[in-house]
Amino acid sequence: MKKLPKFVDIQEDVLDALDQKKPIVALESTIITHGMPFPENVEMARSVEDEIRARGAVPATIAVIDGRLKIGLSKEELDQLAEVKDALKISRADIAFAISQRKTAGTTVAATMIVARMAG
């Protein structure tokens, strides 16, 4: 796997899937931060991730949490993202801003695609 910037965290199951060339489904996260209220947002996100796992792929929800670009979220990170009140909604032009300012942000489809491509 190619070397990623130091501000990127890849969840262990996503790393394993990349190494083993297993299917991975990148998921945008603005539905969590901006599309639905808590707790429905986290319930929906877990349901989607569970469905992806049941079909043999690995989910990789993409987000920025406290300035760290996340590729795949732990249970705790998903909870944190779902409950945050002032999350940004970022697209491709906003990724660097959110990271440099140590913000928490949900990613649009465009931003998610860029990050997924970066991770391979």
Protein backbone atom coordinates (compact mmCIF):
# COMPACT_ATOMS: atom_id res chain seq x y z
CA MET A 1 0.00 0.00 0.00
CA LYS A 2 1.21 3.51 -0.74
CA LYS A 3 2.32 5.80 2.04
CA LEU A 4 -0.44 8.15 3.21
CA PRO A 5 -0.05 11.54 4.90
CA LYS A 6 0.47 11.56 8.68
CA PHE A 7 -2.99 13.10 9.28
CA VAL A 8 -4.79 10.03 7.84
CA ASP A 9 -6.09 7.17 9.99
CA ILE A 10 -7.26 3.96 8.33
CA GLN A 11 -9.38 1.58 10.38
CA GLU A 12 -7.73 -1.83 10.85
CA ASP A 13 -10.41 -3.81 8.97
CA VAL A 14 -10.10 -1.43 6.01
CA LEU A 15 -6.31 -1.84 6.05
CA ASP A 16 -6.70 -5.62 6.06
CA ALA A 17 -9.16 -5.46 3.17
CA LEU A 18 -6.77 -3.26 1.17
CA ASP A 19 -3.89 -5.66 1.82
CA GLN A 20 -5.98 -8.70 0.90
CA LYS A 21 -7.65 -6.97 -2.06
CA LYS A 22 -11.12 -7.54 -0.61
CA PRO A 23 -14.03 -5.34 -1.69
CA ILE A 24 -14.43 -2.08 0.22
CA VAL A 25 -17.40 0.29 0.06
CA ALA A 26 -16.54 3.94 0.74
CA LEU A 27 -19.41 5.77 2.44
CA GLU A 28 -20.01 9.50 2.61
CA SER A 29 -20.82 10.88 6.04
CA THR A 30 -22.90 14.05 5.56
CA ILE A 31 -26.02 11.93 5.97
CA ILE A 32 -24.74 11.35 9.52
CA THR A 33 -23.69 14.93 10.29
CA HIS A 34 -26.33 16.87 8.38
CA GLY A 35 -28.98 14.56 6.94
CA MET A 36 -30.62 12.98 9.96
CA PRO A 37 -31.05 13.79 13.66
CA PHE A 38 -29.42 11.79 16.45
CA PRO A 39 -29.98 8.89 17.20
CA GLU A 40 -31.56 7.96 13.85
CA ASN A 41 -28.36 8.99 12.06
CA VAL A 42 -26.12 6.57 13.94
CA GLU A 43 -28.69 3.77 13.73
CA MET A 44 -28.91 4.23 9.95
CA ALA A 45 -25.11 4.34 9.59
CA ARG A 46 -24.68 1.13 11.57
CA SER A 47 -27.45 -0.54 9.58
CA VAL A 48 -25.78 0.36 6.27
CA GLU A 49 -22.38 -0.82 7.50
CA ASP A 50 -23.91 -4.10 8.76
CA GLU A 51 -25.60 -4.67 5.39
CA ILE A 52 -22.30 -4.14 3.56
CA ARG A 53 -20.54 -6.62 5.86
CA ALA A 54 -23.35 -9.16 5.38
CA ARG A 55 -22.74 -9.02 1.64
CA GLY A 56 -19.02 -9.71 1.96
CA ALA A 57 -17.49 -6.24 1.69
CA VAL A 58 -15.87 -3.93 4.22
CA PRO A 59 -17.50 -0.55 4.92
CA ALA A 60 -15.26 2.51 5.07
CA THR A 61 -17.17 5.54 6.27
CA ILE A 62 -15.08 8.62 5.46
CA ALA A 63 -15.03 11.67 7.76
CA VAL A 64 -12.76 14.19 9.43
CA ILE A 65 -12.71 14.01 13.24
CA ASP A 66 -10.76 16.63 15.18
CA GLY A 67 -8.58 17.28 12.13
CA ARG A 68 -7.82 13.62 11.43
CA LEU A 69 -8.93 12.23 8.09
CA LYS A 70 -10.65 8.93 8.89
CA ILE A 71 -11.03 6.07 6.44
CA GLY A 72 -13.37 3.75 8.28
CA LEU A 73 -14.73 4.62 11.71
CA SER A 74 -14.65 2.79 15.01
CA LYS A 75 -17.89 2.47 16.97
CA GLU A 76 -16.77 5.33 19.21
CA GLU A 77 -15.85 7.56 16.27
CA LEU A 78 -19.19 6.89 14.60
CA ASP A 79 -20.96 7.84 17.83
CA GLN A 80 -18.85 11.00 18.13
CA LEU A 81 -19.60 12.01 14.54
CA ALA A 82 -23.33 11.34 14.98
CA GLU A 83 -23.60 13.51 18.09
CA VAL A 84 -21.43 16.49 17.14
CA LYS A 85 -23.38 19.73 16.88
CA ASP A 86 -21.07 21.94 14.80
CA ALA A 87 -19.71 19.55 12.17
CA LEU A 88 -18.76 20.99 8.82
CA LYS A 89 -20.07 19.61 5.55
CA ILE A 90 -17.04 19.32 3.31
CA SER A 91 -16.56 18.71 -0.37
CA ARG A 92 -13.30 18.30 -2.27
CA ALA A 93 -12.28 21.97 -1.86
CA ASP A 94 -12.77 21.90 1.93
CA ILE A 95 -10.80 18.81 2.96
CA ALA A 96 -7.54 20.66 3.66
CA PHE A 97 -9.32 23.41 5.60
CA ALA A 98 -11.08 20.92 7.90
CA ILE A 99 -7.83 19.08 8.58
CA SER A 100 -5.69 22.21 9.10
CA GLN A 101 -8.24 23.75 11.46
CA ARG A 102 -8.72 20.48 13.37
CA LYS A 103 -12.45 20.43 12.61
CA THR A 104 -14.94 17.59 12.56
CA ALA A 105 -16.73 17.16 9.26
CA GLY A 106 -18.99 14.94 7.26
CA THR A 107 -17.84 14.30 3.70
CA THR A 108 -19.91 14.72 0.58
CA VAL A 109 -19.79 12.11 -2.16
CA ALA A 110 -17.15 14.16 -4.00
CA ALA A 111 -14.86 14.39 -0.97
CA THR A 112 -15.42 10.72 -0.19
CA MET A 113 -14.40 9.73 -3.72
CA ILE A 114 -11.16 11.73 -3.45
CA VAL A 115 -10.25 10.16 -0.12
CA ALA A 116 -11.16 6.65 -1.32
CA ARG A 117 -8.95 7.10 -4.37
CA MET A 118 -6.11 8.40 -2.19
CA ALA A 119 -6.35 5.25 -0.04
CA GLY A 120 -6.40 2.97 -3.05
